[in-house]
Amino acid sequence: MGIADFISRLLRRRHTPVKTHSSRTRQADGAWLVDVRGQTCPGYLLDINQHVDAIGTGARITLLISYPPCGDDVRAWCAEKGFTFHGIEPVAGVWEIRIET
């Protein structure tokens, strides 16, 4: 197969989009859940920032992510904003990051 055939086959392949999330939910215990699964840099951090701004200060927030490098970015973002980064752990195929504003 030549390069032209390879490119032609590649262009004909169907692209399966990844489902992305961007939501915030208040939990029964008063904490917040922000879901940005499926997003990559810089989208997830922009959405997290927007949700956290809307939630306000003094909140406990769990972030759901599916892009592991997000943890390092959120840790640096928390330091910049003066928030507390409580940790990151894998849970049921995604990652949970716990912060406090």
Foldseek 3Di string as FASTA:
>chain_A
DDPVVVVVVVVPDDDDQDDFDFDKDQDPVRAIETEGEPDDPPVVVVSVVVVDVVVDAFHKYKYKYQDVVVLVVVVVVCVVVVKAWPDWDDDPNIIITIIHD
